[in-house]
PDB file of N, CA and C in Angstrom:
ATOM      1  N   MET A   1      83.514 270.623 209.653  1.00  0.00           N
ATOM      2  CA  MET A   1      85.027 270.070 209.884  1.00  0.00           C
ATOM      3  C   MET A   1      85.149 269.172 208.732  1.00  0.00           C
ATOM      4  N   LYS A   2      83.690 268.086 208.475  1.00  0.00           N
ATOM      5  CA  LYS A   2      84.164 267.399 207.514  1.00  0.00           C
ATOM      6  C   LYS A   2      83.508 267.695 205.975  1.00  0.00           C
ATOM      7  N   LEU A   3      82.378 268.728 206.115  1.00  0.00           N
ATOM      8  CA  LEU A   3      82.355 268.956 204.401  1.00  0.00           C
ATOM      9  C   LEU A   3      83.770 269.807 204.046  1.00  0.00           C
ATOM     10  N   PRO A   4      84.622 270.859 204.620  1.00  0.00           N
ATOM     11  CA  PRO A   4      85.894 271.203 203.928  1.00  0.00           C
ATOM     12  C   PRO A   4      86.796 269.993 203.365  1.00  0.00           C
ATOM     13  N   ALA A   5      86.261 268.722 204.454  1.00  0.00           N
ATOM     14  CA  ALA A   5      88.124 267.791 204.154  1.00  0.00           C
ATOM     15  C   ALA A   5      86.674 266.916 202.819  1.00  0.00           C
ATOM     16  N   SER A   6      85.544 267.180 202.774  1.00  0.00           N
ATOM     17  CA  SER A   6      85.377 265.916 201.803  1.00  0.00           C
ATOM     18  C   SER A   6      85.655 266.565 200.043  1.00  0.00           C
ATOM     19  N   LEU A   7      85.637 268.227 200.020  1.00  0.00           N
ATOM     20  CA  LEU A   7      85.299 269.034 199.222  1.00  0.00           C
ATOM     21  C   LEU A   7      86.537 269.104 198.345  1.00  0.00           C
ATOM     22  N   SER A   8      88.260 269.352 199.726  1.00  0.00           N
ATOM     23  CA  SER A   8      89.285 268.776 199.257  1.00  0.00           C
ATOM     24  C   SER A   8      89.900 267.376 198.515  1.00  0.00           C
ATOM     25  N   PHE A   9      88.960 266.951 199.475  1.00  0.00           N
ATOM     26  CA  PHE A   9      89.572 265.239 198.587  1.00  0.00           C
ATOM     27  C   PHE A   9      88.801 265.393 196.789  1.00  0.00           C
ATOM     28  N   ALA A  10      87.669 265.430 197.258  1.00  0.00           N
ATOM     29  CA  ALA A  10      86.760 265.628 196.025  1.00  0.00           C
ATOM     30  C   ALA A  10      87.764 266.822 194.349  1.00  0.00           C
ATOM     31  N   ILE A  11      87.819 267.866 195.264  1.00  0.00           N
ATOM     32  CA  ILE A  11      88.574 268.350 194.335  1.00  0.00           C
ATOM     33  C   ILE A  11      90.263 267.748 194.278  1.00  0.00           C
ATOM     34  N   ALA A  12      91.231 266.745 194.376  1.00  0.00           N
ATOM     35  CA  ALA A  12      92.426 266.350 193.975  1.00  0.00           C
ATOM     36  C   ALA A  12      92.033 265.075 193.696  1.00  0.00           C
ATOM     37  N   LEU A  13      90.853 264.839 193.761  1.00  0.00           N
ATOM     38  CA  LEU A  13      90.506 263.471 193.222  1.00  0.00           C
ATOM     39  C   LEU A  13      89.894 264.034 191.300  1.00  0.00           C
ATOM     40  N   THR A  14      89.464 264.823 191.502  1.00  0.00           N
ATOM     41  CA  THR A  14      89.265 265.117 190.310  1.00  0.00           C
ATOM     42  C   THR A  14      90.947 266.022 188.978  1.00  0.00           C
ATOM     43  N   ALA A  15      91.588 266.437 190.252  1.00  0.00           N
ATOM     44  CA  ALA A  15      92.871 267.041 189.424  1.00  0.00           C
ATOM     45  C   ALA A  15      93.252 266.005 189.176  1.00  0.00           C
ATOM     46  N   THR A  16      93.659 265.205 189.670  1.00  0.00           N
ATOM     47  CA  THR A  16      94.540 263.856 189.229  1.00  0.00           C
ATOM     48  C   THR A  16      93.796 263.031 187.850  1.00  0.00           C
ATOM     49  N   VAL A  17      92.389 262.957 187.846  1.00  0.00           N
ATOM     50  CA  VAL A  17      91.846 262.353 186.901  1.00  0.00           C
ATOM     51  C   VAL A  17      92.113 263.575 185.671  1.00  0.00           C
ATOM     52  N   SER A  18      91.501 264.567 185.488  1.00  0.00           N
ATOM     53  CA  SER A  18      92.022 265.375 184.323  1.00  0.00           C
ATOM     54  C   SER A  18      93.488 265.752 184.203  1.00  0.00           C
ATOM     55  N   SER A  19      94.360 265.401 184.967  1.00  0.00           N
ATOM     56  CA  SER A  19      95.627 265.255 184.073  1.00  0.00           C
ATOM     57  C   SER A  19      95.995 263.704 184.277  1.00  0.00           C
ATOM     58  N   ALA A  20      95.086 262.776 184.160  1.00  0.00           N
ATOM     59  CA  ALA A  20      95.187 261.803 183.590  1.00  0.00           C
ATOM     60  C   ALA A  20      94.395 261.605 181.978  1.00  0.00           C
ATOM     61  N   GLU A  21      93.782 262.051 181.983  1.00  0.00           N
ATOM     62  CA  GLU A  21      92.950 262.592 180.688  1.00  0.00           C
ATOM     63  C   GLU A  21      93.960 263.073 179.857  1.00  0.00           C
ATOM     64  N   ALA A  22      93.965 264.739 180.400  1.00  0.00           N
ATOM     65  CA  ALA A  22      95.432 265.000 179.161  1.00  0.00           C
ATOM     66  C   ALA A  22      96.318 264.610 178.670  1.00  0.00           C
ATOM     67  N   ALA A  23      96.621 263.976 179.432  1.00  0.00           N
ATOM     68  CA  ALA A  23      97.760 262.812 178.836  1.00  0.00           C
ATOM     69  C   ALA A  23      97.176 261.796 177.728  1.00  0.00           C
ATOM     70  N   GLU A  24      95.921 261.543 177.999  1.00  0.00           N
ATOM     71  CA  GLU A  24      95.847 260.121 176.909  1.00  0.00           C
ATOM     72  C   GLU A  24      94.439 261.066 176.137  1.00  0.00           C
ATOM     73  N   GLN A  25      94.595 262.805 175.836  1.00  0.00           N
ATOM     74  CA  GLN A  25      93.770 262.952 174.605  1.00  0.00           C
ATOM     75  C   GLN A  25      94.384 263.026 173.822  1.00  0.00           C
ATOM     76  N   CYS A  26      95.656 263.049 173.188  1.00  0.00           N
ATOM     77  CA  CYS A  26      96.611 262.924 171.906  1.00  0.00           C
ATOM     78  C   CYS A  26      96.000 262.308 171.384  1.00  0.00           C
ATOM     79  N   ARG A  27      95.585 261.212 171.751  1.00  0.00           N
ATOM     80  CA  ARG A  27      95.388 260.265 170.501  1.00  0.00           C
ATOM     81  C   ARG A  27      94.565 260.042 169.959  1.00  0.00           C
ATOM     82  N   PHE A  28      92.931 260.934 170.835  1.00  0.00           N
ATOM     83  CA  PHE A  28      91.991 260.967 170.004  1.00  0.00           C
ATOM     84  C   PHE A  28      91.673 261.821 168.926  1.00  0.00           C
ATOM     85  N   ILE A  29      93.039 262.885 168.636  1.00  0.00           N
ATOM     86  CA  ILE A  29      92.757 264.072 167.844  1.00  0.00           C
ATOM     87  C   ILE A  29      93.415 263.426 166.158  1.00  0.00           C
ATOM     88  N   GLU A  30      92.241 263.388 165.519  1.00  0.00           N
ATOM     89  CA  GLU A  30      91.891 262.861 164.300  1.00  0.00           C
ATOM     90  C   GLU A  30      93.245 263.514 163.480  1.00  0.00           C
ATOM     91  N   ALA A  31      93.343 265.181 162.881  1.00  0.00           N
ATOM     92  CA  ALA A  31      94.642 265.606 162.311  1.00  0.00           C
ATOM     93  C   ALA A  31      95.900 265.031 162.565  1.00  0.00           C
ATOM     94  N   ARG A  32      96.333 264.329 161.811  1.00  0.00           N
ATOM     95  CA  ARG A  32      97.909 264.285 162.170  1.00  0.00           C
ATOM     96  C   ARG A  32      98.591 265.229 162.399  1.00  0.00           C
ATOM     97  N   ALA A  33      98.531 265.999 162.143  1.00  0.00           N
ATOM     98  CA  ALA A  33      99.456 267.538 162.306  1.00  0.00           C
ATOM     99  C   ALA A  33      99.301 268.136 164.146  1.00  0.00           C
ATOM    100  N   GLU A  34      98.142 268.228 164.157  1.00  0.00           N
ATOM    101  CA  GLU A  34      97.591 268.612 165.433  1.00  0.00           C
ATOM    102  C   GLU A  34      97.861 267.278 166.494  1.00  0.00           C
ATOM    103  N   ARG A  35      97.725 266.240 166.091  1.00  0.00           N
ATOM    104  CA  ARG A  35      97.674 264.934 166.706  1.00  0.00           C
ATOM    105  C   ARG A  35      99.699 265.251 167.590  1.00  0.00           C
ATOM    106  N   GLU A  36     100.009 264.868 166.092  1.00  0.00           N
ATOM    107  CA  GLU A  36     101.854 265.223 166.410  1.00  0.00           C
ATOM    108  C   GLU A  36     102.629 266.572 166.811  1.00  0.00           C
ATOM    109  N   ALA A  37     101.641 267.333 167.319  1.00  0.00           N
ATOM    110  CA  ALA A  37     101.967 268.734 167.828  1.00  0.00           C
ATOM    111  C   ALA A  37     101.760 268.169 169.427  1.00  0.00           C
ATOM    112  N   CYS A  38     100.585 267.389 169.655  1.00  0.00           N
ATOM    113  CA  CYS A  38     100.594 267.458 171.236  1.00  0.00           C
ATOM    114  C   CYS A  38     101.632 266.311 171.500  1.00  0.00           C
ATOM    115  N   TYR A  39     101.418 265.862 170.843  1.00  0.00           N
ATOM    116  CA  TYR A  39     103.291 264.974 171.165  1.00  0.00           C
ATOM    117  C   TYR A  39     103.629 265.912 171.520  1.00  0.00           C
ATOM    118  N   GLN A  40     104.145 266.239 170.508  1.00  0.00           N
ATOM    119  CA  GLN A  40     105.831 267.330 170.825  1.00  0.00           C
ATOM    120  C   GLN A  40     105.432 267.956 172.389  1.00  0.00           C
ATOM    121  N   ARG A  41     104.367 268.592 172.176  1.00  0.00           N
ATOM    122  CA  ARG A  41     103.536 269.003 173.438  1.00  0.00           C
ATOM    123  C   ARG A  41     104.181 268.413 174.722  1.00  0.00           C
ATOM    124  N   GLN A  42     103.700 267.084 174.900  1.00  0.00           N
ATOM    125  CA  GLN A  42     104.101 266.371 175.567  1.00  0.00           C
ATOM    126  C   GLN A  42     105.060 266.029 176.030  1.00  0.00           C
ATOM    127  N   GLU A  43     105.896 265.773 175.434  1.00  0.00           N
ATOM    128  CA  GLU A  43     107.412 265.340 175.005  1.00  0.00           C
ATOM    129  C   GLU A  43     107.800 266.441 175.798  1.00  0.00           C
ATOM    130  N   ALA A  44     107.849 267.530 175.129  1.00  0.00           N
ATOM    131  CA  ALA A  44     108.725 268.878 176.065  1.00  0.00           C
ATOM    132  C   ALA A  44     108.043 268.751 177.134  1.00  0.00           C
ATOM    133  N   ALA A  45     106.804 269.015 177.566  1.00  0.00           N
ATOM    134  CA  ALA A  45     106.643 268.988 179.123  1.00  0.00           C
ATOM    135  C   ALA A  45     107.551 267.453 179.964  1.00  0.00           C
ATOM    136  N   ARG A  46     107.478 266.400 179.511  1.00  0.00           N
ATOM    137  CA  ARG A  46     107.977 265.461 180.134  1.00  0.00           C
ATOM    138  C   ARG A  46     109.806 265.753 180.318  1.00  0.00           C
ATOM    139  N   VAL A  47     110.397 266.524 178.936  1.00  0.00           N
ATOM    140  CA  VAL A  47     111.710 266.326 179.416  1.00  0.00           C
ATOM    141  C   VAL A  47     111.898 267.242 180.370  1.00  0.00           C
ATOM    142  N   ALA A  48     110.899 268.215 180.243  1.00  0.00           N
ATOM    143  CA  ALA A  48     111.242 269.223 181.063  1.00  0.00           C
ATOM    144  C   ALA A  48     110.880 268.983 182.348  1.00  0.00           C
ATOM    145  N   ARG A  49     110.215 268.041 183.242  1.00  0.00           N
ATOM    146  CA  ARG A  49     110.081 267.660 184.652  1.00  0.00           C
ATOM    147  C   ARG A  49     111.070 266.690 184.742  1.00  0.00           C
ATOM    148  N   GLN A  50     111.638 266.138 183.764  1.00  0.00           N
ATOM    149  CA  GLN A  50     112.648 264.789 184.197  1.00  0.00           C
ATOM    150  C   GLN A  50     113.778 266.000 184.699  1.00  0.00           C
ATOM    151  N   LYS A  51     114.352 267.298 184.083  1.00  0.00           N
ATOM    152  CA  LYS A  51     115.183 267.602 183.980  1.00  0.00           C
ATOM    153  C   LYS A  51     114.928 268.748 185.444  1.00  0.00           C
ATOM    154  N   THR A  52     113.594 269.075 186.002  1.00  0.00           N
ATOM    155  CA  THR A  52     113.463 269.666 187.380  1.00  0.00           C
ATOM    156  C   THR A  52     113.845 268.449 188.052  1.00  0.00           C
ATOM    157  N   GLN A  53     113.362 267.366 187.770  1.00  0.00           N
ATOM    158  CA  GLN A  53     113.422 265.780 189.056  1.00  0.00           C
ATOM    159  C   GLN A  53     114.890 266.080 189.351  1.00  0.00           C
ATOM    160  N   GLU A  54     116.182 266.153 187.647  1.00  0.00           N
ATOM    161  CA  GLU A  54     117.697 265.726 187.542  1.00  0.00           C
ATOM    162  C   GLU A  54     118.413 267.207 188.999  1.00  0.00           C
ATOM    163  N   ALA A  55     117.740 267.889 188.689  1.00  0.00           N
ATOM    164  CA  ALA A  55     118.102 269.261 189.264  1.00  0.00           C
ATOM    165  C   ALA A  55     117.810 268.883 190.703  1.00  0.00           C
ATOM    166  N   GLN A  56     116.189 269.193 191.109  1.00  0.00           N
ATOM    167  CA  GLN A  56     116.190 268.612 192.722  1.00  0.00           C
ATOM    168  C   GLN A  56     116.900 267.613 193.161  1.00  0.00           C
ATOM    169  N   GLN A  57     117.583 266.158 192.803  1.00  0.00           N
ATOM    170  CA  GLN A  57     118.463 265.271 192.871  1.00  0.00           C
ATOM    171  C   GLN A  57     119.583 265.344 193.303  1.00  0.00           C
ATOM    172  N   ALA A  58     120.065 266.635 192.384  1.00  0.00           N
ATOM    173  CA  ALA A  58     121.595 267.269 192.507  1.00  0.00           C
ATOM    174  C   ALA A  58     121.454 267.948 193.605  1.00  0.00           C
ATOM    175  N   ALA A  59     120.452 268.682 193.850  1.00  0.00           N
ATOM    176  CA  ALA A  59     120.704 270.359 194.736  1.00  0.00           C
ATOM    177  C   ALA A  59     120.397 269.643 196.272  1.00  0.00           C
ATOM    178  N   GLN A  60     120.320 268.420 196.489  1.00  0.00           N
ATOM    179  CA  GLN A  60     120.114 267.195 197.745  1.00  0.00           C
ATOM    180  C   GLN A  60     121.573 266.937 198.438  1.00  0.00           C
ATOM    181  N   GLN A  61     121.158 267.446 200.053  1.00  0.00           N
ATOM    182  CA  GLN A  61     122.552 267.276 200.425  1.00  0.00           C
ATOM    183  C   GLN A  61     122.947 265.904 200.431  1.00  0.00           C
ATOM    184  N   LYS A  62     124.374 265.459 199.664  1.00  0.00           N
ATOM    185  CA  LYS A  62     125.034 264.284 200.448  1.00  0.00           C
ATOM    186  C   LYS A  62     125.075 263.922 201.419  1.00  0.00           C
ATOM    187  N   PRO A  63     124.611 262.836 201.974  1.00  0.00           N
ATOM    188  CA  PRO A  63     124.740 261.890 203.035  1.00  0.00           C
ATOM    189  C   PRO A  63     125.974 262.264 204.056  1.00  0.00           C
ATOM    190  N   TYR A  64     125.940 262.657 205.233  1.00  0.00           N
ATOM    191  CA  TYR A  64     127.102 262.954 206.030  1.00  0.00           C
ATOM    192  C   TYR A  64     127.732 261.396 206.527  1.00  0.00           C
ATOM    193  N   GLU A  65     129.213 261.550 205.593  1.00  0.00           N
ATOM    194  CA  GLU A  65     129.543 259.907 205.856  1.00  0.00           C
ATOM    195  C   GLU A  65     130.841 260.591 207.179  1.00  0.00           C
ATOM    196  N   PRO A  66     130.484 260.602 208.405  1.00  0.00           N
ATOM    197  CA  PRO A  66     131.182 260.645 209.713  1.00  0.00           C
ATOM    198  C   PRO A  66     132.479 259.572 209.688  1.00  0.00           C
ATOM    199  N   MET A  67     132.722 258.332 209.204  1.00  0.00           N
ATOM    200  CA  MET A  67     133.657 257.369 209.381  1.00  0.00           C
ATOM    201  C   MET A  67     134.579 257.420 208.512  1.00  0.00           C
ATOM    202  N   THR A  68     134.663 258.402 207.531  1.00  0.00           N
ATOM    203  CA  THR A  68     135.802 258.004 206.193  1.00  0.00           C
ATOM    204  C   THR A  68     137.733 257.878 206.927  1.00  0.00           C
ATOM    205  N   SER A  69     137.800 259.033 207.881  1.00  0.00           N
ATOM    206  CA  SER A  69     138.288 258.928 208.647  1.00  0.00           C
ATOM    207  C   SER A  69     138.959 257.327 209.677  1.00  0.00           C
ATOM    208  N   GLU A  70     138.162 257.220 209.897  1.00  0.00           N
ATOM    209  CA  GLU A  70     138.636 256.093 210.419  1.00  0.00           C
ATOM    210  C   GLU A  70     138.746 254.853 209.597  1.00  0.00           C
ATOM    211  N   ASP A  71     137.477 255.211 208.465  1.00  0.00           N
ATOM    212  CA  ASP A  71     137.572 253.640 207.654  1.00  0.00           C
ATOM    213  C   ASP A  71     139.203 253.720 206.659  1.00  0.00           C
ATOM    214  N   ALA A  72     139.913 254.538 206.580  1.00  0.00           N
ATOM    215  CA  ALA A  72     141.033 255.275 205.759  1.00  0.00           C
ATOM    216  C   ALA A  72     142.229 254.930 206.920  1.00  0.00           C
ATOM    217  N   GLN A  73     142.263 255.019 208.123  1.00  0.00           N
ATOM    218  CA  GLN A  73     143.072 254.339 208.912  1.00  0.00           C
ATOM    219  C   GLN A  73     143.080 253.021 209.338  1.00  0.00           C
ATOM    220  N   LEU A  74     141.734 252.824 208.823  1.00  0.00           N
ATOM    221  CA  LEU A  74     141.531 250.720 209.023  1.00  0.00           C
ATOM    222  C   LEU A  74     142.133 250.422 207.450  1.00  0.00           C
ATOM    223  N   ALA A  75     141.856 251.027 206.720  1.00  0.00           N
ATOM    224  CA  ALA A  75     142.375 250.343 205.485  1.00  0.00           C
ATOM    225  C   ALA A  75     144.010 250.393 205.515  1.00  0.00           C
ATOM    226  N   ARG A  76     144.458 251.312 206.451  1.00  0.00           N
ATOM    227  CA  ARG A  76     145.914 252.038 206.176  1.00  0.00           C
ATOM    228  C   ARG A  76     146.576 250.018 206.788  1.00  0.00           C
ATOM    229  N   SER A  77     145.813 250.113 208.121  1.00  0.00           N
ATOM    230  CA  SER A  77     146.568 249.180 209.762  1.00  0.00           C
ATOM    231  C   SER A  77     146.195 247.694 208.196  1.00  0.00           C
ATOM    232  N   LEU A  78     144.890 248.002 207.938  1.00  0.00           N
ATOM    233  CA  LEU A  78     145.408 246.261 207.193  1.00  0.00           C
ATOM    234  C   LEU A  78     146.557 245.878 206.545  1.00  0.00           C
ATOM    235  N   ARG A  79     146.255 247.021 205.342  1.00  0.00           N
ATOM    236  CA  ARG A  79     147.609 246.540 204.323  1.00  0.00           C
ATOM    237  C   ARG A  79     148.659 246.003 205.328  1.00  0.00           C
ATOM    238  N   SER A  80     149.539 246.921 206.413  1.00  0.00           N
ATOM    239  CA  SER A  80     150.317 246.407 206.991  1.00  0.00           C
ATOM    240  C   SER A  80     150.200 244.974 207.747  1.00  0.00           C
ATOM    241  N   ILE A  81     149.212 244.854 207.351  1.00  0.00           N
ATOM    242  CA  ILE A  81     148.464 243.274 208.191  1.00  0.00           C
ATOM    243  C   ILE A  81     148.916 242.255 207.610  1.00  0.00           C
ATOM    244  N   CYS A  82     148.969 242.581 206.021  1.00  0.00           N
ATOM    245  CA  CYS A  82     148.664 241.711 205.174  1.00  0.00           C
ATOM    246  C   CYS A  82     149.511 241.916 203.761  1.00  0.00           C
ATOM    247  N   ARG A  83     150.764 242.057 203.713  1.00  0.00           N
ATOM    248  CA  ARG A  83     152.000 242.514 202.667  1.00  0.00           C
ATOM    249  C   ARG A  83     152.233 241.096 202.080  1.00  0.00           C
ATOM    250  N   GLY A  84     151.993 240.172 202.216  1.00  0.00           N
ATOM    251  CA  GLY A  84     152.470 238.832 201.375  1.00  0.00           C
ATOM    252  C   GLY A  84     150.836 238.052 200.973  1.00  0.00           C
ATOM    253  N   CYS A  85     150.204 238.284 201.406  1.00  0.00           N
ATOM    254  CA  CYS A  85     148.816 237.717 200.697  1.00  0.00           C
ATOM    255  C   CYS A  85     147.769 237.286 199.783  1.00  0.00           C
TER     256      CYS A  85
END
């Protein structure tokens, strides 16, 4: 039981480290053209990731507001009370 849990933790840890290293490797490329191409690939990946996050946020359901009709009724009653304030 402990062995599978420790192996999955180790794999998750190395995956996190390798993804962080992948983001940092562009600045160590000496050839300018290759370094700029690496930065462009990273930027394209960032833009794609940002678009998917925006799409997920847009797809999420908006919270249900059951008080809207009651709020409108209260606003109408307050307007009728305070006409000359």
